[in-house]
Amino acid sequence: MESVEKKAEREERTIAFVDEAGFYLLPGAVRTYAPRGQTPILKYPLWDHVSVISAITLQGQLFTWTQERAFTGEDVVHFLKHLLSHIPGKLLLVWDGLPAHRSQAVKDFLAQGAAKRLHLEQLPGYAPDLNPDEGVWNYLKNVELKNLCCRHLAHLKSQLRKAIARLRRKPHLILSFIRQVRLGQLV
C-alpha cells in the first residue's frame, strides 16, 4: 500500500492536514486561589465558544475558518472552497472521521466536480497523534492563549485572530508540527 506522501508526489498534489477545535471563553489552564477542595463557582456564560477549522501544508502554510457554532457538512464545504481558492493545483486532504467530513454535502460537492482537484484521505479511527494539525491547537491553546479568560465572544475571536496571525508568521513552527508526525505512518 502506498503512503500518503508518495501518492501526493506521484499525483502532483499539495498535502494539507485538516482538523477542527473549539475555543471557549474559559481558559484551558486555570489557577485559582480558592482553598483546596472548595471549587469556585463561575457565574458567567463561559461555555460559549468559537469553532475553528484549519489546514496546514508541507510548505508551512496555515489556513483557517472560524464561526460561532459547530461545523456542519455545509460549513466544511465552505472551508474546502476556501482552500481550493488559495491553493493552486491538486490537493490531497488528510483529516479525521468527523461526521461533517462524511456528510452528504461534502459528497455532493465532490460529485459536482471538486473531485477533479480534491482527494480526501481519512486518518485511522481516533488517531490524533497522526494529525499534525493537532499541533496547531496545542500551540494556540497552551502557548498563545494560555490562561486567557474572555468575557464575551468578540474578545475571544479578536485574541484568536491575533494568535493565528502570529502563528502564520512562524512557518518553521508549523513545519515542526508536521515533522513530529512521521508521514510514513499514514498509509
N, C-alpha and C. Protein backbone atom coordinates (compact mmCIF):
# COMPACT_ATOMS: atom_id res chain seq x y z
N MET A 1 0.83 -1.18 0.00
CA MET A 1 0.00 0.00 0.00
C MET A 1 0.89 1.26 0.00
N GLU A 2 0.51 2.22 -0.78
CA GLU A 2 1.30 3.43 -1.00
C GLU A 2 1.05 4.46 0.11
N SER A 3 2.12 5.13 0.56
CA SER A 3 1.96 6.14 1.61
C SER A 3 1.29 7.38 1.03
N VAL A 4 0.72 8.18 1.91
CA VAL A 4 0.04 9.42 1.52
C VAL A 4 1.01 10.35 0.82
N GLU A 5 2.21 10.47 1.37
CA GLU A 5 3.21 11.38 0.80
C GLU A 5 3.61 10.96 -0.61
N LYS A 6 3.82 9.66 -0.83
CA LYS A 6 4.21 9.17 -2.16
C LYS A 6 3.07 9.34 -3.15
N LYS A 7 1.83 9.10 -2.69
CA LYS A 7 0.67 9.26 -3.56
C LYS A 7 0.54 10.73 -3.99
N ALA A 8 0.71 11.66 -3.06
CA ALA A 8 0.61 13.08 -3.38
C ALA A 8 1.71 13.49 -4.35
N GLU A 9 2.92 12.97 -4.15
CA GLU A 9 4.03 13.30 -5.04
C GLU A 9 3.77 12.76 -6.44
N ARG A 10 3.30 11.52 -6.53
CA ARG A 10 3.02 10.91 -7.83
C ARG A 10 1.94 11.67 -8.58
N GLU A 11 0.90 12.13 -7.86
CA GLU A 11 -0.22 12.83 -8.48
C GLU A 11 -0.03 14.35 -8.51
N GLU A 12 1.16 14.82 -8.07
CA GLU A 12 1.47 16.26 -8.02
C GLU A 12 0.40 17.03 -7.25
N ARG A 13 0.14 16.58 -6.05
CA ARG A 13 -0.85 17.21 -5.18
C ARG A 13 -0.17 17.87 -3.99
N THR A 14 -0.76 18.96 -3.53
CA THR A 14 -0.34 19.60 -2.29
C THR A 14 -1.03 18.85 -1.16
N ILE A 15 -0.27 18.45 -0.14
CA ILE A 15 -0.86 17.78 1.02
C ILE A 15 -1.28 18.83 2.04
N ALA A 16 -2.48 18.67 2.56
CA ALA A 16 -2.95 19.54 3.64
C ALA A 16 -3.59 18.66 4.71
N PHE A 17 -3.27 18.94 5.95
CA PHE A 17 -3.84 18.23 7.08
C PHE A 17 -4.90 19.13 7.70
N VAL A 18 -6.07 18.59 7.95
CA VAL A 18 -7.21 19.38 8.43
C VAL A 18 -7.69 18.85 9.78
N ASP A 19 -8.10 19.78 10.62
CA ASP A 19 -8.69 19.41 11.91
C ASP A 19 -9.53 20.58 12.41
N GLU A 20 -10.39 20.31 13.37
CA GLU A 20 -11.24 21.32 13.98
C GLU A 20 -10.98 21.38 15.47
N ALA A 21 -11.29 22.53 16.06
CA ALA A 21 -11.16 22.69 17.51
C ALA A 21 -12.15 23.74 17.98
N GLY A 22 -12.44 23.70 19.27
CA GLY A 22 -13.29 24.70 19.88
C GLY A 22 -12.48 25.52 20.87
N PHE A 23 -12.74 26.81 20.89
CA PHE A 23 -12.09 27.72 21.83
C PHE A 23 -13.18 28.34 22.68
N TYR A 24 -13.06 28.19 23.99
CA TYR A 24 -14.09 28.62 24.92
C TYR A 24 -13.66 29.89 25.66
N LEU A 25 -14.65 30.58 26.21
CA LEU A 25 -14.35 31.78 26.98
C LEU A 25 -13.51 31.45 28.19
N LEU A 26 -13.74 30.30 28.79
CA LEU A 26 -12.97 29.86 29.94
C LEU A 26 -11.62 29.35 29.47
N PRO A 27 -10.53 29.78 30.06
CA PRO A 27 -9.22 29.32 29.60
C PRO A 27 -9.01 27.84 29.88
N GLY A 28 -8.11 27.24 29.11
CA GLY A 28 -7.83 25.83 29.27
C GLY A 28 -7.07 25.50 30.55
N ALA A 29 -6.18 26.38 30.98
CA ALA A 29 -5.39 26.16 32.19
C ALA A 29 -5.69 27.29 33.16
N VAL A 30 -6.31 26.96 34.25
CA VAL A 30 -6.73 28.00 35.19
C VAL A 30 -6.14 27.72 36.56
N ARG A 31 -5.64 28.76 37.19
CA ARG A 31 -5.21 28.68 38.59
C ARG A 31 -6.21 29.47 39.41
N THR A 32 -6.48 29.00 40.58
CA THR A 32 -7.40 29.70 41.48
C THR A 32 -6.76 29.78 42.86
N TYR A 33 -7.17 30.79 43.60
CA TYR A 33 -6.67 30.93 44.96
C TYR A 33 -7.69 30.40 45.96
N ALA A 34 -8.69 29.68 45.47
CA ALA A 34 -9.67 29.09 46.37
C ALA A 34 -8.99 28.00 47.19
N PRO A 35 -9.42 27.83 48.44
CA PRO A 35 -8.85 26.75 49.26
C PRO A 35 -9.06 25.40 48.59
N ARG A 36 -8.11 24.51 48.78
CA ARG A 36 -8.20 23.18 48.20
C ARG A 36 -9.52 22.52 48.60
N GLY A 37 -10.19 21.93 47.61
CA GLY A 37 -11.45 21.25 47.87
C GLY A 37 -12.66 22.18 47.80
N GLN A 38 -12.46 23.47 47.61
CA GLN A 38 -13.57 24.42 47.51
C GLN A 38 -13.53 25.06 46.12
N THR A 39 -14.01 24.32 45.15
CA THR A 39 -14.00 24.79 43.76
C THR A 39 -14.85 26.05 43.62
N PRO A 40 -14.29 27.11 43.04
CA PRO A 40 -15.07 28.33 42.87
C PRO A 40 -16.21 28.12 41.87
N ILE A 41 -17.31 28.80 42.07
CA ILE A 41 -18.46 28.72 41.16
C ILE A 41 -18.40 29.92 40.24
N LEU A 42 -18.33 29.66 38.94
CA LEU A 42 -18.26 30.72 37.95
C LEU A 42 -19.66 31.10 37.51
N LYS A 43 -19.96 32.40 37.52
CA LYS A 43 -21.32 32.86 37.21
C LYS A 43 -21.36 33.61 35.89
N TYR A 44 -20.54 33.23 34.95
CA TYR A 44 -20.52 33.85 33.64
C TYR A 44 -20.83 32.79 32.59
N PRO A 45 -21.37 33.21 31.44
CA PRO A 45 -21.67 32.23 30.38
C PRO A 45 -20.38 31.79 29.67
N LEU A 46 -19.54 31.08 30.39
CA LEU A 46 -18.22 30.73 29.88
C LEU A 46 -18.23 29.56 28.90
N TRP A 47 -19.39 29.00 28.64
CA TRP A 47 -19.45 27.84 27.76
C TRP A 47 -19.65 28.23 26.30
N ASP A 48 -19.88 29.54 26.04
CA ASP A 48 -19.94 29.97 24.65
C ASP A 48 -18.59 29.67 24.02
N HIS A 49 -18.61 29.38 22.74
CA HIS A 49 -17.35 29.01 22.10
C HIS A 49 -17.29 29.46 20.65
N VAL A 50 -16.09 29.37 20.12
CA VAL A 50 -15.82 29.62 18.72
C VAL A 50 -15.25 28.32 18.16
N SER A 51 -15.79 27.89 17.03
CA SER A 51 -15.27 26.70 16.35
C SER A 51 -14.33 27.14 15.25
N VAL A 52 -13.22 26.43 15.12
CA VAL A 52 -12.23 26.77 14.10
C VAL A 52 -11.84 25.49 13.36
N ILE A 53 -11.76 25.60 12.05
CA ILE A 53 -11.23 24.52 11.23
C ILE A 53 -9.97 25.07 10.58
N SER A 54 -8.95 24.25 10.51
CA SER A 54 -7.71 24.72 9.89
C SER A 54 -7.09 23.64 9.03
N ALA A 55 -6.20 24.09 8.17
CA ALA A 55 -5.42 23.18 7.33
C ALA A 55 -3.99 23.69 7.33
N ILE A 56 -3.04 22.77 7.44
CA ILE A 56 -1.63 23.13 7.31
C ILE A 56 -1.04 22.33 6.16
N THR A 57 -0.09 22.95 5.47
CA THR A 57 0.54 22.30 4.32
C THR A 57 2.01 22.01 4.62
N LEU A 58 2.60 21.20 3.77
CA LEU A 58 4.02 20.87 3.91
C LEU A 58 4.92 22.06 3.58
N GLN A 59 4.33 23.15 3.11
CA GLN A 59 5.08 24.38 2.84
C GLN A 59 5.02 25.33 4.05
N GLY A 60 4.37 24.91 5.14
CA GLY A 60 4.28 25.73 6.34
C GLY A 60 3.15 26.75 6.31
N GLN A 61 2.18 26.54 5.44
CA GLN A 61 1.04 27.45 5.36
C GLN A 61 -0.03 27.03 6.36
N LEU A 62 -0.81 28.00 6.83
CA LEU A 62 -1.92 27.76 7.74
C LEU A 62 -3.15 28.49 7.21
N PHE A 63 -4.22 27.74 6.99
CA PHE A 63 -5.49 28.29 6.53
C PHE A 63 -6.54 28.01 7.61
N THR A 64 -7.38 28.99 7.91
CA THR A 64 -8.39 28.79 8.96
C THR A 64 -9.74 29.33 8.52
N TRP A 65 -10.77 28.85 9.22
CA TRP A 65 -12.15 29.32 9.06
C TRP A 65 -12.75 29.28 10.45
N THR A 66 -13.35 30.37 10.89
CA THR A 66 -13.87 30.48 12.26
C THR A 66 -15.35 30.80 12.23
N GLN A 67 -16.10 30.22 13.16
CA GLN A 67 -17.52 30.53 13.29
C GLN A 67 -17.97 30.26 14.72
N GLU A 68 -19.17 30.73 15.06
CA GLU A 68 -19.67 30.65 16.44
C GLU A 68 -20.59 29.46 16.67
N ARG A 69 -20.47 28.43 15.89
CA ARG A 69 -21.25 27.21 16.09
C ARG A 69 -20.42 26.01 15.59
N ALA A 70 -20.88 24.83 15.94
CA ALA A 70 -20.18 23.63 15.49
C ALA A 70 -20.26 23.52 13.96
N PHE A 71 -19.30 22.83 13.37
CA PHE A 71 -19.26 22.70 11.92
C PHE A 71 -20.23 21.64 11.42
N THR A 72 -20.94 22.00 10.37
CA THR A 72 -21.82 21.07 9.67
C THR A 72 -21.15 20.71 8.35
N GLY A 73 -21.75 19.81 7.61
CA GLY A 73 -21.22 19.45 6.30
C GLY A 73 -21.14 20.64 5.36
N GLU A 74 -22.15 21.52 5.41
CA GLU A 74 -22.15 22.71 4.55
C GLU A 74 -21.00 23.65 4.92
N ASP A 75 -20.72 23.77 6.21
CA ASP A 75 -19.60 24.60 6.65
C ASP A 75 -18.27 24.03 6.17
N VAL A 76 -18.14 22.72 6.21
CA VAL A 76 -16.92 22.07 5.73
C VAL A 76 -16.73 22.34 4.24
N VAL A 77 -17.84 22.30 3.49
CA VAL A 77 -17.76 22.60 2.05
C VAL A 77 -17.28 24.03 1.83
N HIS A 78 -17.76 24.98 2.62
CA HIS A 78 -17.29 26.36 2.51
C HIS A 78 -15.78 26.44 2.74
N PHE A 79 -15.30 25.69 3.74
CA PHE A 79 -13.86 25.69 4.01
C PHE A 79 -13.09 25.04 2.86
N LEU A 80 -13.62 23.96 2.30
CA LEU A 80 -12.95 23.31 1.17
C LEU A 80 -12.86 24.27 -0.02
N LYS A 81 -13.91 25.02 -0.27
CA LYS A 81 -13.89 26.02 -1.36
C LYS A 81 -12.83 27.09 -1.06
N HIS A 82 -12.76 27.48 0.22
CA HIS A 82 -11.75 28.46 0.65
C HIS A 82 -10.34 27.92 0.36
N LEU A 83 -10.10 26.67 0.71
CA LEU A 83 -8.78 26.06 0.44
C LEU A 83 -8.48 26.02 -1.06
N LEU A 84 -9.46 25.57 -1.83
CA LEU A 84 -9.25 25.45 -3.28
C LEU A 84 -9.00 26.81 -3.93
N SER A 85 -9.54 27.87 -3.34
CA SER A 85 -9.31 29.20 -3.91
C SER A 85 -7.93 29.75 -3.56
N HIS A 86 -7.30 29.20 -2.51
CA HIS A 86 -6.00 29.71 -2.06
C HIS A 86 -4.83 28.79 -2.41
N ILE A 87 -5.11 27.53 -2.68
CA ILE A 87 -4.04 26.59 -3.00
C ILE A 87 -4.20 26.16 -4.46
N PRO A 88 -3.24 26.51 -5.32
CA PRO A 88 -3.36 26.14 -6.74
C PRO A 88 -3.12 24.65 -6.96
N GLY A 89 -3.64 24.14 -8.05
CA GLY A 89 -3.41 22.75 -8.43
C GLY A 89 -4.24 21.77 -7.63
N LYS A 90 -3.77 20.53 -7.65
CA LYS A 90 -4.49 19.45 -6.97
C LYS A 90 -4.15 19.43 -5.49
N LEU A 91 -5.09 18.93 -4.71
CA LEU A 91 -4.95 18.94 -3.26
C LEU A 91 -5.30 17.57 -2.70
N LEU A 92 -4.45 17.09 -1.80
CA LEU A 92 -4.72 15.86 -1.05
C LEU A 92 -4.97 16.27 0.38
N LEU A 93 -6.19 16.08 0.84
CA LEU A 93 -6.58 16.48 2.19
C LEU A 93 -6.60 15.26 3.10
N VAL A 94 -5.91 15.36 4.23
CA VAL A 94 -5.88 14.28 5.22
C VAL A 94 -6.60 14.80 6.45
N TRP A 95 -7.66 14.09 6.85
CA TRP A 95 -8.45 14.53 8.01
C TRP A 95 -9.02 13.36 8.76
N ASP A 96 -9.67 13.65 9.88
CA ASP A 96 -10.21 12.59 10.73
C ASP A 96 -11.62 12.20 10.28
N GLY A 97 -12.28 11.38 11.07
CA GLY A 97 -13.59 10.85 10.71
C GLY A 97 -14.77 11.63 11.24
N LEU A 98 -14.63 12.93 11.44
CA LEU A 98 -15.73 13.76 11.91
C LEU A 98 -16.95 13.53 11.02
N PRO A 99 -18.14 13.35 11.59
CA PRO A 99 -19.33 13.12 10.76
C PRO A 99 -19.55 14.20 9.69
N ALA A 100 -19.22 15.45 9.98
CA ALA A 100 -19.38 16.51 8.98
C ALA A 100 -18.49 16.25 7.76
N HIS A 101 -17.35 15.58 7.93
CA HIS A 101 -16.46 15.27 6.81
C HIS A 101 -17.09 14.23 5.88
N ARG A 102 -17.92 13.38 6.45
CA ARG A 102 -18.55 12.31 5.66
C ARG A 102 -19.98 12.67 5.26
N SER A 103 -20.37 13.91 5.42
CA SER A 103 -21.74 14.34 5.19
C SER A 103 -22.12 14.30 3.71
N GLN A 104 -23.41 14.34 3.47
CA GLN A 104 -23.92 14.35 2.10
C GLN A 104 -23.47 15.62 1.38
N ALA A 105 -23.38 16.74 2.10
CA ALA A 105 -22.95 18.00 1.47
C ALA A 105 -21.54 17.86 0.90
N VAL A 106 -20.64 17.21 1.63
CA VAL A 106 -19.27 17.00 1.15
C VAL A 106 -19.29 16.05 -0.05
N LYS A 107 -20.06 14.98 0.04
CA LYS A 107 -20.15 14.03 -1.08
C LYS A 107 -20.69 14.71 -2.33
N ASP A 108 -21.71 15.55 -2.17
CA ASP A 108 -22.29 16.27 -3.30
C ASP A 108 -21.27 17.23 -3.91
N PHE A 109 -20.52 17.92 -3.05
CA PHE A 109 -19.50 18.86 -3.52
C PHE A 109 -18.46 18.14 -4.37
N LEU A 110 -18.02 16.98 -3.92
CA LEU A 110 -17.05 16.20 -4.69
C LEU A 110 -17.65 15.72 -6.00
N ALA A 111 -18.90 15.26 -5.95
CA ALA A 111 -19.57 14.75 -7.15
C ALA A 111 -19.82 15.85 -8.19
N GLN A 112 -19.93 17.10 -7.73
CA GLN A 112 -20.20 18.21 -8.64
C GLN A 112 -18.92 18.76 -9.28
N GLY A 113 -17.83 18.07 -9.17
CA GLY A 113 -16.62 18.46 -9.87
C GLY A 113 -15.40 18.74 -9.01
N ALA A 114 -15.58 18.90 -7.73
CA ALA A 114 -14.43 19.20 -6.86
C ALA A 114 -13.44 18.04 -6.83
N ALA A 115 -13.91 16.83 -7.07
CA ALA A 115 -13.05 15.65 -7.02
C ALA A 115 -11.93 15.70 -8.07
N LYS A 116 -12.07 16.56 -9.08
CA LYS A 116 -11.01 16.70 -10.09
C LYS A 116 -9.75 17.29 -9.47
N ARG A 117 -9.91 18.16 -8.48
CA ARG A 117 -8.77 18.80 -7.82
C ARG A 117 -8.54 18.30 -6.41
N LEU A 118 -9.54 17.72 -5.81
CA LEU A 118 -9.50 17.42 -4.38
C LEU A 118 -9.66 15.92 -4.13
N HIS A 119 -8.68 15.37 -3.43
CA HIS A 119 -8.78 13.97 -3.00
C HIS A 119 -8.73 13.95 -1.47
N LEU A 120 -9.61 13.17 -0.85
CA LEU A 120 -9.70 13.11 0.61
C LEU A 120 -9.20 11.78 1.13
N GLU A 121 -8.39 11.84 2.16
CA GLU A 121 -7.90 10.63 2.85
C GLU A 121 -8.29 10.76 4.31
N GLN A 122 -8.86 9.70 4.85
CA GLN A 122 -9.26 9.72 6.26
C GLN A 122 -8.20 9.05 7.11
N LEU A 123 -7.91 9.67 8.24
CA LEU A 123 -7.00 9.09 9.22
C LEU A 123 -7.66 7.87 9.86
N PRO A 124 -6.88 6.96 10.42
CA PRO A 124 -7.47 5.84 11.15
C PRO A 124 -8.33 6.35 12.31
N GLY A 125 -9.25 5.53 12.76
CA GLY A 125 -10.14 5.91 13.85
C GLY A 125 -9.39 6.40 15.07
N TYR A 126 -9.85 7.47 15.63
CA TYR A 126 -9.28 8.18 16.77
C TYR A 126 -7.76 8.06 16.84
N ALA A 127 -7.12 8.83 15.96
CA ALA A 127 -5.65 8.85 15.91
C ALA A 127 -5.16 10.29 15.85
N PRO A 128 -5.44 11.09 16.89
CA PRO A 128 -5.00 12.49 16.85
C PRO A 128 -3.48 12.63 16.77
N ASP A 129 -2.76 11.63 17.23
CA ASP A 129 -1.29 11.70 17.18
C ASP A 129 -0.76 11.59 15.76
N LEU A 130 -1.62 11.21 14.80
CA LEU A 130 -1.21 11.12 13.41
C LEU A 130 -1.54 12.38 12.61
N ASN A 131 -2.25 13.32 13.23
CA ASN A 131 -2.62 14.54 12.52
C ASN A 131 -1.77 15.72 13.01
N PRO A 132 -0.87 16.22 12.17
CA PRO A 132 -0.01 17.33 12.61
C PRO A 132 -0.79 18.60 12.93
N ASP A 133 -2.00 18.73 12.41
CA ASP A 133 -2.80 19.92 12.69
C ASP A 133 -3.18 20.00 14.16
N GLU A 134 -3.11 18.89 14.88
CA GLU A 134 -3.34 18.92 16.33
C GLU A 134 -2.31 19.81 17.02
N GLY A 135 -1.11 19.90 16.43
CA GLY A 135 -0.08 20.76 16.97
C GLY A 135 -0.47 22.23 16.94
N VAL A 136 -1.26 22.61 15.93
CA VAL A 136 -1.75 23.99 15.84
C VAL A 136 -2.61 24.30 17.06
N TRP A 137 -3.54 23.39 17.36
CA TRP A 137 -4.45 23.62 18.50
C TRP A 137 -3.68 23.63 19.81
N ASN A 138 -2.74 22.70 19.96
CA ASN A 138 -1.95 22.64 21.18
C ASN A 138 -1.18 23.95 21.38
N TYR A 139 -0.57 24.44 20.32
CA TYR A 139 0.21 25.67 20.41
C TYR A 139 -0.69 26.87 20.71
N LEU A 140 -1.79 26.99 19.98
CA LEU A 140 -2.67 28.14 20.21
C LEU A 140 -3.25 28.14 21.62
N LYS A 141 -3.71 26.99 22.09
CA LYS A 141 -4.36 26.92 23.40
C LYS A 141 -3.36 27.02 24.55
N ASN A 142 -2.20 26.37 24.42
CA ASN A 142 -1.28 26.27 25.55
C ASN A 142 -0.12 27.25 25.53
N VAL A 143 0.05 27.97 24.43
CA VAL A 143 1.12 28.97 24.35
C VAL A 143 0.52 30.35 24.11
N GLU A 144 -0.09 30.52 22.96
CA GLU A 144 -0.60 31.83 22.58
C GLU A 144 -1.75 32.33 23.47
N LEU A 145 -2.66 31.44 23.82
CA LEU A 145 -3.86 31.86 24.55
C LEU A 145 -3.93 31.30 25.97
N LYS A 146 -2.81 30.84 26.50
CA LYS A 146 -2.84 30.22 27.82
C LYS A 146 -3.35 31.22 28.86
N ASN A 147 -4.18 30.72 29.73
CA ASN A 147 -4.77 31.49 30.83
C ASN A 147 -5.53 32.75 30.39
N LEU A 148 -5.92 32.82 29.14
CA LEU A 148 -6.72 33.94 28.67
C LEU A 148 -8.19 33.67 29.00
N CYS A 149 -8.82 34.55 29.70
CA CYS A 149 -10.23 34.42 30.06
C CYS A 149 -10.97 35.62 29.46
N CYS A 150 -11.88 35.36 28.57
CA CYS A 150 -12.62 36.42 27.89
C CYS A 150 -14.05 36.49 28.42
N ARG A 151 -14.59 37.70 28.48
CA ARG A 151 -15.97 37.88 28.97
C ARG A 151 -17.00 37.71 27.86
N HIS A 152 -16.58 37.87 26.61
CA HIS A 152 -17.53 37.75 25.51
C HIS A 152 -16.82 37.21 24.26
N LEU A 153 -17.61 36.70 23.33
CA LEU A 153 -17.05 36.06 22.15
C LEU A 153 -16.25 37.02 21.26
N ALA A 154 -16.66 38.27 21.20
CA ALA A 154 -15.94 39.22 20.35
C ALA A 154 -14.48 39.34 20.81
N HIS A 155 -14.26 39.38 22.11
CA HIS A 155 -12.90 39.45 22.64
C HIS A 155 -12.13 38.17 22.32
N LEU A 156 -12.78 37.03 22.52
CA LEU A 156 -12.14 35.74 22.21
C LEU A 156 -11.77 35.67 20.73
N LYS A 157 -12.69 36.04 19.85
CA LYS A 157 -12.42 36.00 18.42
C LYS A 157 -11.26 36.92 18.05
N SER A 158 -11.22 38.09 18.65
CA SER A 158 -10.14 39.04 18.38
C SER A 158 -8.79 38.47 18.81
N GLN A 159 -8.73 37.91 20.02
CA GLN A 159 -7.48 37.34 20.52
C GLN A 159 -7.07 36.11 19.70
N LEU A 160 -8.03 35.30 19.30
CA LEU A 160 -7.75 34.12 18.49
C LEU A 160 -7.22 34.53 17.12
N ARG A 161 -7.84 35.52 16.51
CA ARG A 161 -7.40 36.02 15.20
C ARG A 161 -5.94 36.50 15.28
N LYS A 162 -5.60 37.23 16.33
CA LYS A 162 -4.23 37.72 16.51
C LYS A 162 -3.26 36.55 16.72
N ALA A 163 -3.67 35.57 17.51
CA ALA A 163 -2.81 34.41 17.77
C ALA A 163 -2.55 33.63 16.49
N ILE A 164 -3.59 33.45 15.67
CA ILE A 164 -3.44 32.75 14.39
C ILE A 164 -2.50 33.53 13.48
N ALA A 165 -2.64 34.86 13.45
CA ALA A 165 -1.75 35.69 12.62
C ALA A 165 -0.30 35.55 13.06
N ARG A 166 -0.06 35.50 14.38
CA ARG A 166 1.31 35.32 14.87
C ARG A 166 1.86 33.95 14.46
N LEU A 167 1.02 32.93 14.53
CA LEU A 167 1.46 31.59 14.15
C LEU A 167 1.76 31.52 12.65
N ARG A 168 0.95 32.18 11.84
CA ARG A 168 1.19 32.18 10.39
C ARG A 168 2.57 32.76 10.05
N ARG A 169 3.06 33.65 10.88
CA ARG A 169 4.39 34.24 10.64
C ARG A 169 5.52 33.33 11.11
N LYS A 170 5.17 32.13 11.56
CA LYS A 170 6.18 31.17 12.03
C LYS A 170 6.06 29.85 11.27
N PRO A 171 6.31 29.86 9.96
CA PRO A 171 6.16 28.61 9.20
C PRO A 171 7.07 27.50 9.72
N HIS A 172 8.23 27.88 10.30
CA HIS A 172 9.13 26.86 10.85
C HIS A 172 8.43 26.09 11.99
N LEU A 173 7.58 26.77 12.74
CA LEU A 173 6.84 26.12 13.82
C LEU A 173 5.76 25.19 13.26
N ILE A 174 5.06 25.66 12.23
CA ILE A 174 4.05 24.82 11.58
C ILE A 174 4.71 23.57 11.01
N LEU A 175 5.87 23.73 10.40
CA LEU A 175 6.59 22.58 9.86
C LEU A 175 7.04 21.63 10.96
N SER A 176 7.32 22.17 12.15
CA SER A 176 7.72 21.29 13.26
C SER A 176 6.55 20.39 13.68
N PHE A 177 5.31 20.88 13.56
CA PHE A 177 4.15 20.03 13.87
C PHE A 177 4.09 18.86 12.89
N ILE A 178 4.45 19.13 11.65
CA ILE A 178 4.43 18.09 10.61
C ILE A 178 5.56 17.09 10.84
N ARG A 179 6.75 17.61 11.18
CA ARG A 179 7.89 16.71 11.42
C ARG A 179 7.64 15.79 12.62
N GLN A 180 6.86 16.28 13.56
CA GLN A 180 6.58 15.48 14.75
C GLN A 180 5.81 14.20 14.42
N VAL A 181 5.04 14.26 13.33
CA VAL A 181 4.28 13.09 12.87
C VAL A 181 5.04 12.50 11.69
N ARG A 182 5.41 11.26 11.81
CA ARG A 182 6.11 10.60 10.70
C ARG A 182 5.08 10.30 9.62
N LEU A 183 5.21 10.94 8.46
CA LEU A 183 4.24 10.76 7.39
C LEU A 183 4.19 9.33 6.88
N GLY A 184 5.26 8.60 7.06
CA GLY A 184 5.26 7.21 6.63
C GLY A 184 4.24 6.37 7.38
N GLN A 185 3.81 6.84 8.55
CA GLN A 185 2.79 6.12 9.31
C GLN A 185 1.43 6.19 8.62
N LEU A 186 1.25 7.22 7.79
CA LEU A 186 -0.04 7.43 7.13
C LEU A 186 -0.07 6.63 5.85
N VAL A 187 -0.66 5.49 5.87
CA VAL A 187 -0.71 4.63 4.69
C VAL A 187 -2.12 4.55 4.18
